[in-house]
Amino acid sequence: MHRFKDLEIWKKSRVFCSSIYEITSNFPESEKFGLTNQLRRASVSIPSNIAEGSSRKTNKGFSRFLQIALGSAYEIETQLLIAFDLKFMTENELNKLLEDLESIIKMTSKFKSTLN
C-alpha cells in the first residue's frame, strides 16, 4: 500500500486541479454545465484515482487506477484544446496547462511502469 499524500504525482495533480478550476471560472456562463463541468470533473478524477488506487492491496490494482487517471488526463487535453478553439483561453494559458498536464502524464506513466 502506498501513501498517496507522499506521491509527487498526487501533489502535482492537486495543484493542476486548482489551475483548472481557476481557468474555467473565466469561461462563459453558458459553459457552466458543458466544458467547465467536464474539465473540472476530469481534473478532480486524476488525484482522486491516484488516492483510491493507493489503497489497493496489490500493485495490479493500483496500476488500474493509475490507468484511469491517465484516461482523465487525455480527456482534459482534448477538452482544453476545444476550449482554446472556442477562444475561452489564451494560447499562453493553454500552453501552461498542457505543459503541466504533460508532466503529470509522464510521471504517472513512469510510476505505473514500476508497478508492473
C-alpha atoms as a PDB file:
ATOM      1  CA  MET A   1       0.000   0.000   0.000  1.00  0.00           C
ATOM      2  CA  HIS A   2       1.313   3.459  -0.912  1.00  0.00           C
ATOM      3  CA  ARG A   3       0.824   6.691   0.999  1.00  0.00           C
ATOM      4  CA  PHE A   4      -0.844   8.812  -1.672  1.00  0.00           C
ATOM      5  CA  LYS A   5      -0.149  12.070   0.163  1.00  0.00           C
ATOM      6  CA  ASP A   6       3.571  11.398  -0.273  1.00  0.00           C
ATOM      7  CA  LEU A   7       3.306  10.813  -4.026  1.00  0.00           C
ATOM      8  CA  GLU A   8       4.552  13.694  -6.170  1.00  0.00           C
ATOM      9  CA  ILE A   9       2.015  12.841  -8.893  1.00  0.00           C
ATOM     10  CA  TRP A  10      -0.818  13.247  -6.410  1.00  0.00           C
ATOM     11  CA  LYS A  11       0.556  16.599  -5.202  1.00  0.00           C
ATOM     12  CA  LYS A  12       1.056  17.904  -8.750  1.00  0.00           C
ATOM     13  CA  SER A  13      -2.370  16.744  -9.866  1.00  0.00           C
ATOM     14  CA  ARG A  14      -3.994  18.572  -6.943  1.00  0.00           C
ATOM     15  CA  VAL A  15      -2.276  21.803  -7.956  1.00  0.00           C
ATOM     16  CA  PHE A  16      -3.278  21.170 -11.568  1.00  0.00           C
ATOM     17  CA  CYS A  17      -6.889  20.666 -10.488  1.00  0.00           C
ATOM     18  CA  SER A  18      -6.843  24.080  -8.809  1.00  0.00           C
ATOM     19  CA  SER A  19      -5.484  25.591 -12.038  1.00  0.00           C
ATOM     20  CA  ILE A  20      -8.364  24.063 -13.983  1.00  0.00           C
ATOM     21  CA  TYR A  21     -10.891  25.495 -11.530  1.00  0.00           C
ATOM     22  CA  GLU A  22      -9.238  28.903 -11.839  1.00  0.00           C
ATOM     23  CA  ILE A  23      -9.182  28.975 -15.651  1.00  0.00           C
ATOM     24  CA  THR A  24     -12.725  27.631 -16.023  1.00  0.00           C
ATOM     25  CA  SER A  25     -14.055  30.324 -13.697  1.00  0.00           C
ATOM     26  CA  ASN A  26     -13.438  32.674 -16.651  1.00  0.00           C
ATOM     27  CA  PHE A  27     -15.366  30.539 -19.153  1.00  0.00           C
ATOM     28  CA  PRO A  28     -18.730  31.839 -20.359  1.00  0.00           C
ATOM     29  CA  GLU A  29     -21.673  31.205 -18.042  1.00  0.00           C
ATOM     30  CA  SER A  30     -23.286  29.203 -20.857  1.00  0.00           C
ATOM     31  CA  GLU A  31     -20.497  26.613 -20.403  1.00  0.00           C
ATOM     32  CA  LYS A  32     -21.264  26.032 -16.718  1.00  0.00           C
ATOM     33  CA  PHE A  33     -22.752  22.614 -17.480  1.00  0.00           C
ATOM     34  CA  GLY A  34     -20.601  21.994 -20.559  1.00  0.00           C
ATOM     35  CA  LEU A  35     -16.838  22.274 -20.799  1.00  0.00           C
ATOM     36  CA  THR A  36     -16.481  23.875 -17.369  1.00  0.00           C
ATOM     37  CA  ASN A  37     -18.147  20.931 -15.667  1.00  0.00           C
ATOM     38  CA  GLN A  38     -16.347  18.350 -17.819  1.00  0.00           C
ATOM     39  CA  LEU A  39     -12.905  19.849 -17.224  1.00  0.00           C
ATOM     40  CA  ARG A  40     -13.453  20.187 -13.505  1.00  0.00           C
ATOM     41  CA  ARG A  41     -14.745  16.643 -13.074  1.00  0.00           C
ATOM     42  CA  ALA A  42     -11.903  15.153 -15.119  1.00  0.00           C
ATOM     43  CA  SER A  43      -9.294  17.187 -13.216  1.00  0.00           C
ATOM     44  CA  VAL A  44     -10.703  16.027  -9.872  1.00  0.00           C
ATOM     45  CA  SER A  45     -10.596  12.464 -11.191  1.00  0.00           C
ATOM     46  CA  ILE A  46      -6.800  12.416 -11.516  1.00  0.00           C
ATOM     47  CA  PRO A  47      -5.789  12.889  -7.843  1.00  0.00           C
ATOM     48  CA  SER A  48      -8.898  11.013  -6.713  1.00  0.00           C
ATOM     49  CA  ASN A  49      -7.990   7.895  -8.680  1.00  0.00           C
ATOM     50  CA  ILE A  50      -4.389   8.086  -7.518  1.00  0.00           C
ATOM     51  CA  ALA A  51      -5.615   8.228  -3.915  1.00  0.00           C
ATOM     52  CA  GLU A  52      -8.149   5.443  -4.371  1.00  0.00           C
ATOM     53  CA  GLY A  53      -5.674   3.234  -6.195  1.00  0.00           C
ATOM     54  CA  SER A  54      -3.094   3.651  -3.461  1.00  0.00           C
ATOM     55  CA  SER A  55      -5.432   1.842  -1.081  1.00  0.00           C
ATOM     56  CA  ARG A  56      -5.399  -1.326  -3.190  1.00  0.00           C
ATOM     57  CA  LYS A  57      -3.548  -4.255  -1.748  1.00  0.00           C
ATOM     58  CA  THR A  58      -1.785  -5.154  -4.997  1.00  0.00           C
ATOM     59  CA  ASN A  59       0.299  -3.236  -7.500  1.00  0.00           C
ATOM     60  CA  LYS A  60      -2.007  -4.529 -10.229  1.00  0.00           C
ATOM     61  CA  GLY A  61      -4.984  -2.911  -8.506  1.00  0.00           C
ATOM     62  CA  PHE A  62      -3.131   0.367  -8.075  1.00  0.00           C
ATOM     63  CA  SER A  63      -1.977   0.257 -11.689  1.00  0.00           C
ATOM     64  CA  ARG A  64      -5.592   0.013 -12.884  1.00  0.00           C
ATOM     65  CA  PHE A  65      -6.486   3.254 -11.067  1.00  0.00           C
ATOM     66  CA  LEU A  66      -3.419   4.977 -12.465  1.00  0.00           C
ATOM     67  CA  GLN A  67      -4.645   3.988 -15.926  1.00  0.00           C
ATOM     68  CA  ILE A  68      -8.000   5.611 -15.171  1.00  0.00           C
ATOM     69  CA  ALA A  69      -6.161   8.763 -14.026  1.00  0.00           C
ATOM     70  CA  LEU A  70      -4.244   8.767 -17.324  1.00  0.00           C
ATOM     71  CA  GLY A  71      -7.504   8.459 -19.237  1.00  0.00           C
ATOM     72  CA  SER A  72      -8.811  11.530 -17.432  1.00  0.00           C
ATOM     73  CA  ALA A  73      -5.615  13.398 -18.293  1.00  0.00           C
ATOM     74  CA  TYR A  74      -6.069  12.710 -22.007  1.00  0.00           C
ATOM     75  CA  GLU A  75      -9.719  13.705 -21.727  1.00  0.00           C
ATOM     76  CA  ILE A  76      -8.592  17.027 -20.238  1.00  0.00           C
ATOM     77  CA  GLU A  77      -6.075  17.566 -23.025  1.00  0.00           C
ATOM     78  CA  THR A  78      -8.825  17.230 -25.628  1.00  0.00           C
ATOM     79  CA  GLN A  79     -11.192  19.494 -23.709  1.00  0.00           C
ATOM     80  CA  LEU A  80      -8.527  22.176 -23.256  1.00  0.00           C
ATOM     81  CA  LEU A  81      -7.859  22.196 -26.986  1.00  0.00           C
ATOM     82  CA  ILE A  82     -11.587  22.564 -27.661  1.00  0.00           C
ATOM     83  CA  ALA A  83     -11.814  25.387 -25.106  1.00  0.00           C
ATOM     84  CA  PHE A  84      -8.914  27.115 -26.852  1.00  0.00           C
ATOM     85  CA  ASP A  85     -10.571  26.625 -30.261  1.00  0.00           C
ATOM     86  CA  LEU A  86     -13.661  28.327 -28.818  1.00  0.00           C
ATOM     87  CA  LYS A  87     -11.436  31.185 -27.579  1.00  0.00           C
ATOM     88  CA  PHE A  88     -12.189  30.576 -23.905  1.00  0.00           C
ATOM     89  CA  MET A  89      -8.475  30.914 -23.064  1.00  0.00           C
ATOM     90  CA  THR A  90      -5.307  32.411 -24.429  1.00  0.00           C
ATOM     91  CA  GLU A  91      -2.535  30.461 -26.106  1.00  0.00           C
ATOM     92  CA  ASN A  92      -0.259  31.152 -23.127  1.00  0.00           C
ATOM     93  CA  GLU A  93      -2.842  29.786 -20.711  1.00  0.00           C
ATOM     94  CA  LEU A  94      -3.338  26.707 -22.888  1.00  0.00           C
ATOM     95  CA  ASN A  95       0.402  26.052 -23.209  1.00  0.00           C
ATOM     96  CA  LYS A  96       0.971  26.329 -19.450  1.00  0.00           C
ATOM     97  CA  LEU A  97      -1.845  23.905 -18.680  1.00  0.00           C
ATOM     98  CA  LEU A  98      -0.712  21.454 -21.360  1.00  0.00           C
ATOM     99  CA  GLU A  99       2.855  21.603 -20.061  1.00  0.00           C
ATOM    100  CA  ASP A 100       1.704  20.859 -16.515  1.00  0.00           C
ATOM    101  CA  LEU A 101      -0.573  18.090 -17.761  1.00  0.00           C
ATOM    102  CA  GLU A 102       2.209  16.513 -19.819  1.00  0.00           C
ATOM    103  CA  SER A 103       4.402  16.418 -16.721  1.00  0.00           C
ATOM    104  CA  ILE A 104       1.657  14.631 -14.767  1.00  0.00           C
ATOM    105  CA  ILE A 105       1.115  12.155 -17.623  1.00  0.00           C
ATOM    106  CA  LYS A 106       4.825  11.333 -17.848  1.00  0.00           C
ATOM    107  CA  MET A 107       5.221  10.941 -14.098  1.00  0.00           C
ATOM    108  CA  THR A 108       2.118   8.779 -13.820  1.00  0.00           C
ATOM    109  CA  SER A 109       3.144   6.590 -16.758  1.00  0.00           C
ATOM    110  CA  LYS A 110       6.622   6.097 -15.345  1.00  0.00           C
ATOM    111  CA  PHE A 111       5.299   5.311 -11.873  1.00  0.00           C
ATOM    112  CA  LYS A 112       2.760   2.892 -13.344  1.00  0.00           C
ATOM    113  CA  SER A 113       5.531   1.066 -15.204  1.00  0.00           C
ATOM    114  CA  THR A 114       7.363   0.478 -11.913  1.00  0.00           C
ATOM    115  CA  LEU A 115       4.274  -1.271 -10.528  1.00  0.00           C
ATOM    116  CA  ASN A 116       4.035  -3.821 -13.352  1.00  0.00           C
END
